[in-house]
Amino acid sequence: RPHTNNNTKTMPPQQDPPLPTTTTSRTSPPLRICVYGSSSSKTPQTYLTAAQTLGHLLATHNHTCVNGAGSHGCMAALNDGCHKGNGSIVGVIHEMFIVD
């Protein structure tokens, strides 16, 4: 006969900790946040989606997005998301790239 231990305690199932919320009772001052990202037209869609989401998040929290003003890749997606959220964008480029 197998031995049965009647003193075994059953542990309750583990629960995941609650996820943090994005809303707070206090508001933070607007920030100028610089984001580095690709400017390649070959950037994978996963990164473009994440960059666009970040841009929109910055805009909805009233932050200014500062980046290299690229027209492709993550920089373009970031600016697109920020623009769609009615945010502020500051593009920083070297003057040698400015064409009259």
N, C-alpha and C. Protein backbone atom coordinates (compact mmCIF):
# COMPACT_ATOMS: atom_id res chain seq x y z
N ARG A 1 0.83 -1.18 0.00
CA ARG A 1 0.00 0.00 0.00
C ARG A 1 0.87 1.24 0.00
N PRO A 2 0.52 2.24 -0.86
CA PRO A 2 1.28 3.49 -0.82
C PRO A 2 0.97 4.27 0.45
N HIS A 3 1.99 4.98 0.93
CA HIS A 3 1.85 5.78 2.14
C HIS A 3 1.12 7.09 1.82
N THR A 4 0.11 7.43 2.58
CA THR A 4 -0.63 8.67 2.40
C THR A 4 -0.35 9.58 3.58
N ASN A 5 0.05 10.82 3.29
CA ASN A 5 0.33 11.79 4.34
C ASN A 5 -0.86 12.73 4.44
N ASN A 6 -1.56 12.69 5.51
CA ASN A 6 -2.74 13.52 5.70
C ASN A 6 -2.39 14.93 6.19
N ASN A 7 -1.12 15.19 6.46
CA ASN A 7 -0.71 16.50 6.96
C ASN A 7 -0.23 17.44 5.83
N THR A 8 -0.38 17.02 4.58
CA THR A 8 0.07 17.84 3.45
C THR A 8 -0.88 19.01 3.27
N LYS A 9 -0.29 20.21 3.15
CA LYS A 9 -1.09 21.41 2.93
C LYS A 9 -1.04 21.77 1.46
N THR A 10 -2.16 22.17 0.94
CA THR A 10 -2.23 22.60 -0.46
C THR A 10 -1.98 24.10 -0.51
N MET A 11 -1.02 24.50 -1.37
CA MET A 11 -0.70 25.92 -1.52
C MET A 11 -1.70 26.56 -2.48
N PRO A 12 -2.11 27.80 -2.20
CA PRO A 12 -3.00 28.47 -3.16
C PRO A 12 -2.26 28.75 -4.45
N PRO A 13 -2.97 28.82 -5.57
CA PRO A 13 -2.30 29.08 -6.85
C PRO A 13 -1.65 30.47 -6.86
N GLN A 14 -0.51 30.57 -7.55
CA GLN A 14 0.19 31.85 -7.68
C GLN A 14 -0.64 32.80 -8.52
N GLN A 15 -0.66 34.06 -8.14
CA GLN A 15 -1.35 35.08 -8.92
C GLN A 15 -0.32 36.06 -9.44
N ASP A 16 -0.54 36.52 -10.67
CA ASP A 16 0.34 37.51 -11.25
C ASP A 16 0.13 38.84 -10.54
N PRO A 17 1.20 39.63 -10.36
CA PRO A 17 1.02 40.95 -9.75
C PRO A 17 0.22 41.85 -10.68
N PRO A 18 -0.49 42.82 -10.14
CA PRO A 18 -1.28 43.70 -11.01
C PRO A 18 -0.37 44.53 -11.90
N LEU A 19 -0.83 44.79 -13.11
CA LEU A 19 -0.08 45.62 -14.04
C LEU A 19 -0.16 47.07 -13.61
N PRO A 20 0.91 47.85 -13.83
CA PRO A 20 0.83 49.27 -13.48
C PRO A 20 -0.14 49.98 -14.42
N THR A 21 -0.78 50.98 -13.90
CA THR A 21 -1.71 51.75 -14.72
C THR A 21 -0.98 52.94 -15.32
N THR A 22 -1.50 53.45 -16.43
CA THR A 22 -0.85 54.58 -17.08
C THR A 22 -1.41 55.91 -16.60
N THR A 23 -2.46 55.86 -15.80
CA THR A 23 -3.02 57.10 -15.29
C THR A 23 -2.56 57.30 -13.85
N THR A 24 -2.29 58.52 -13.51
CA THR A 24 -1.90 58.85 -12.15
C THR A 24 -2.73 60.02 -11.68
N SER A 25 -2.75 60.22 -10.38
CA SER A 25 -3.51 61.33 -9.84
C SER A 25 -2.75 62.65 -9.99
N ARG A 26 -1.46 62.59 -10.23
CA ARG A 26 -0.68 63.82 -10.41
C ARG A 26 -0.26 63.92 -11.87
N THR A 27 -0.03 65.11 -12.31
CA THR A 27 0.43 65.30 -13.68
C THR A 27 1.88 65.73 -13.66
N SER A 28 2.64 65.22 -14.61
CA SER A 28 4.04 65.61 -14.71
C SER A 28 4.17 66.75 -15.70
N PRO A 29 5.19 67.57 -15.55
CA PRO A 29 5.37 68.67 -16.49
C PRO A 29 5.76 68.12 -17.86
N PRO A 30 5.44 68.84 -18.93
CA PRO A 30 5.83 68.39 -20.26
C PRO A 30 7.35 68.32 -20.38
N LEU A 31 7.82 67.30 -21.07
CA LEU A 31 9.26 67.10 -21.27
C LEU A 31 9.59 67.16 -22.75
N ARG A 32 10.85 67.45 -23.05
CA ARG A 32 11.37 67.32 -24.42
C ARG A 32 12.14 66.02 -24.42
N ILE A 33 11.62 65.02 -25.11
CA ILE A 33 12.20 63.69 -25.08
C ILE A 33 12.85 63.38 -26.42
N CYS A 34 14.15 63.10 -26.39
CA CYS A 34 14.90 62.79 -27.60
C CYS A 34 14.88 61.28 -27.82
N VAL A 35 14.51 60.88 -29.03
CA VAL A 35 14.42 59.47 -29.37
C VAL A 35 15.33 59.18 -30.56
N TYR A 36 16.20 58.20 -30.41
CA TYR A 36 17.05 57.74 -31.50
C TYR A 36 16.37 56.56 -32.17
N GLY A 37 16.36 56.55 -33.48
CA GLY A 37 15.75 55.43 -34.20
C GLY A 37 16.27 55.36 -35.62
N SER A 38 15.92 54.30 -36.29
CA SER A 38 16.41 54.08 -37.65
C SER A 38 15.80 55.09 -38.62
N SER A 39 16.49 55.28 -39.73
CA SER A 39 15.94 56.11 -40.81
C SER A 39 15.91 55.31 -42.11
N SER A 40 15.97 54.00 -41.98
CA SER A 40 16.01 53.11 -43.13
C SER A 40 14.61 52.74 -43.61
N SER A 41 14.44 52.67 -44.91
CA SER A 41 13.16 52.22 -45.46
C SER A 41 13.01 50.71 -45.33
N LYS A 42 14.05 50.02 -44.87
CA LYS A 42 14.00 48.57 -44.69
C LYS A 42 13.73 48.16 -43.23
N THR A 43 13.35 49.10 -42.40
CA THR A 43 13.07 48.81 -40.99
C THR A 43 11.87 47.87 -40.88
N PRO A 44 11.98 46.78 -40.10
CA PRO A 44 10.86 45.84 -39.95
C PRO A 44 9.61 46.52 -39.37
N GLN A 45 8.46 46.05 -39.81
CA GLN A 45 7.18 46.63 -39.40
C GLN A 45 6.99 46.62 -37.88
N THR A 46 7.51 45.63 -37.20
CA THR A 46 7.37 45.55 -35.74
C THR A 46 7.94 46.80 -35.08
N TYR A 47 9.11 47.24 -35.55
CA TYR A 47 9.74 48.43 -34.99
C TYR A 47 8.98 49.70 -35.37
N LEU A 48 8.45 49.73 -36.58
CA LEU A 48 7.69 50.91 -37.03
C LEU A 48 6.43 51.08 -36.19
N THR A 49 5.77 49.98 -35.90
CA THR A 49 4.55 50.01 -35.09
C THR A 49 4.87 50.50 -33.68
N ALA A 50 5.94 49.98 -33.11
CA ALA A 50 6.34 50.40 -31.76
C ALA A 50 6.70 51.89 -31.74
N ALA A 51 7.41 52.36 -32.75
CA ALA A 51 7.80 53.77 -32.82
C ALA A 51 6.57 54.67 -32.95
N GLN A 52 5.61 54.27 -33.76
CA GLN A 52 4.40 55.06 -33.93
C GLN A 52 3.61 55.11 -32.62
N THR A 53 3.55 54.00 -31.93
CA THR A 53 2.87 53.95 -30.63
C THR A 53 3.55 54.87 -29.63
N LEU A 54 4.88 54.85 -29.60
CA LEU A 54 5.64 55.72 -28.70
C LEU A 54 5.37 57.19 -29.03
N GLY A 55 5.39 57.53 -30.30
CA GLY A 55 5.11 58.91 -30.70
C GLY A 55 3.74 59.37 -30.24
N HIS A 56 2.75 58.52 -30.40
CA HIS A 56 1.39 58.86 -29.96
C HIS A 56 1.33 59.00 -28.45
N LEU A 57 2.02 58.13 -27.75
CA LEU A 57 2.05 58.19 -26.29
C LEU A 57 2.69 59.49 -25.81
N LEU A 58 3.79 59.89 -26.44
CA LEU A 58 4.43 61.16 -26.07
C LEU A 58 3.47 62.32 -26.28
N ALA A 59 2.77 62.31 -27.42
CA ALA A 59 1.83 63.39 -27.72
C ALA A 59 0.69 63.46 -26.72
N THR A 60 0.11 62.32 -26.38
CA THR A 60 -1.04 62.32 -25.47
C THR A 60 -0.65 62.70 -24.05
N HIS A 61 0.64 62.62 -23.74
CA HIS A 61 1.12 63.05 -22.42
C HIS A 61 1.74 64.45 -22.48
N ASN A 62 1.51 65.14 -23.59
CA ASN A 62 1.93 66.52 -23.78
C ASN A 62 3.45 66.73 -23.78
N HIS A 63 4.20 65.70 -24.18
CA HIS A 63 5.64 65.82 -24.28
C HIS A 63 6.03 66.20 -25.71
N THR A 64 7.16 66.85 -25.87
CA THR A 64 7.68 67.19 -27.19
C THR A 64 8.64 66.10 -27.64
N CYS A 65 8.44 65.61 -28.85
CA CYS A 65 9.28 64.56 -29.41
C CYS A 65 10.43 65.21 -30.19
N VAL A 66 11.66 64.91 -29.81
CA VAL A 66 12.84 65.44 -30.48
C VAL A 66 13.56 64.27 -31.14
N ASN A 67 13.83 64.38 -32.46
CA ASN A 67 14.54 63.31 -33.15
C ASN A 67 15.22 63.85 -34.40
N GLY A 68 15.80 62.96 -35.17
CA GLY A 68 16.59 63.34 -36.34
C GLY A 68 15.82 63.68 -37.58
N ALA A 69 14.51 63.78 -37.50
CA ALA A 69 13.67 64.26 -38.60
C ALA A 69 13.75 63.41 -39.86
N GLY A 70 13.97 62.11 -39.72
CA GLY A 70 14.04 61.23 -40.89
C GLY A 70 12.69 61.05 -41.54
N SER A 71 12.70 60.83 -42.84
CA SER A 71 11.45 60.63 -43.57
C SER A 71 11.15 59.15 -43.81
N HIS A 72 11.97 58.27 -43.25
CA HIS A 72 11.78 56.82 -43.35
C HIS A 72 12.06 56.19 -41.99
N GLY A 73 11.73 54.93 -41.86
CA GLY A 73 12.08 54.15 -40.68
C GLY A 73 11.38 54.60 -39.41
N CYS A 74 12.04 54.31 -38.29
CA CYS A 74 11.45 54.60 -36.98
C CYS A 74 11.22 56.09 -36.75
N MET A 75 12.13 56.92 -37.26
CA MET A 75 11.94 58.37 -37.06
C MET A 75 10.65 58.85 -37.72
N ALA A 76 10.38 58.40 -38.93
CA ALA A 76 9.15 58.80 -39.62
C ALA A 76 7.92 58.25 -38.90
N ALA A 77 7.98 57.00 -38.45
CA ALA A 77 6.85 56.40 -37.74
C ALA A 77 6.60 57.11 -36.41
N LEU A 78 7.67 57.45 -35.72
CA LEU A 78 7.56 58.18 -34.46
C LEU A 78 6.88 59.52 -34.68
N ASN A 79 7.32 60.25 -35.69
CA ASN A 79 6.72 61.55 -35.99
C ASN A 79 5.27 61.41 -36.43
N ASP A 80 4.96 60.36 -37.18
CA ASP A 80 3.59 60.11 -37.61
C ASP A 80 2.68 59.90 -36.40
N GLY A 81 3.12 59.07 -35.46
CA GLY A 81 2.32 58.82 -34.26
C GLY A 81 2.14 60.08 -33.42
N CYS A 82 3.20 60.86 -33.31
CA CYS A 82 3.13 62.11 -32.56
C CYS A 82 2.19 63.10 -33.24
N HIS A 83 2.29 63.18 -34.55
CA HIS A 83 1.42 64.08 -35.31
C HIS A 83 -0.05 63.68 -35.17
N LYS A 84 -0.33 62.38 -35.25
CA LYS A 84 -1.71 61.90 -35.12
C LYS A 84 -2.27 62.17 -33.73
N GLY A 85 -1.39 62.29 -32.72
CA GLY A 85 -1.82 62.62 -31.37
C GLY A 85 -1.80 64.11 -31.09
N ASN A 86 -1.64 64.91 -32.15
CA ASN A 86 -1.57 66.38 -32.04
C ASN A 86 -0.43 66.84 -31.14
N GLY A 87 0.70 66.14 -31.22
CA GLY A 87 1.85 66.47 -30.39
C GLY A 87 2.81 67.42 -31.07
N SER A 88 3.82 67.82 -30.34
CA SER A 88 4.87 68.71 -30.84
C SER A 88 6.08 67.89 -31.23
N ILE A 89 6.69 68.25 -32.37
CA ILE A 89 7.85 67.54 -32.89
C ILE A 89 8.95 68.55 -33.18
N VAL A 90 10.17 68.24 -32.76
CA VAL A 90 11.33 69.05 -33.10
C VAL A 90 12.29 68.14 -33.85
N GLY A 91 12.55 68.47 -35.11
CA GLY A 91 13.49 67.71 -35.92
C GLY A 91 14.86 68.38 -35.87
N VAL A 92 15.88 67.61 -35.56
CA VAL A 92 17.23 68.14 -35.45
C VAL A 92 18.07 67.51 -36.55
N ILE A 93 18.56 68.33 -37.48
CA ILE A 93 19.43 67.82 -38.54
C ILE A 93 20.64 68.74 -38.68
N HIS A 94 21.70 68.19 -39.18
CA HIS A 94 22.91 68.97 -39.45
C HIS A 94 22.66 69.88 -40.64
N GLU A 95 23.20 71.09 -40.60
CA GLU A 95 22.93 72.04 -41.68
C GLU A 95 23.45 71.59 -43.04
N MET A 96 24.41 70.67 -43.06
CA MET A 96 24.90 70.19 -44.36
C MET A 96 23.84 69.39 -45.13
N PHE A 97 22.79 68.95 -44.43
CA PHE A 97 21.71 68.22 -45.08
C PHE A 97 20.59 69.13 -45.55
N ILE A 98 20.65 70.41 -45.24
CA ILE A 98 19.62 71.34 -45.65
C ILE A 98 19.88 71.77 -47.10
N VAL A 99 18.86 71.60 -47.92
CA VAL A 99 18.96 71.95 -49.32
C VAL A 99 18.08 73.16 -49.57
N ASP A 100 18.65 74.20 -50.20
CA ASP A 100 17.86 75.41 -50.49
C ASP A 100 16.96 75.20 -51.65
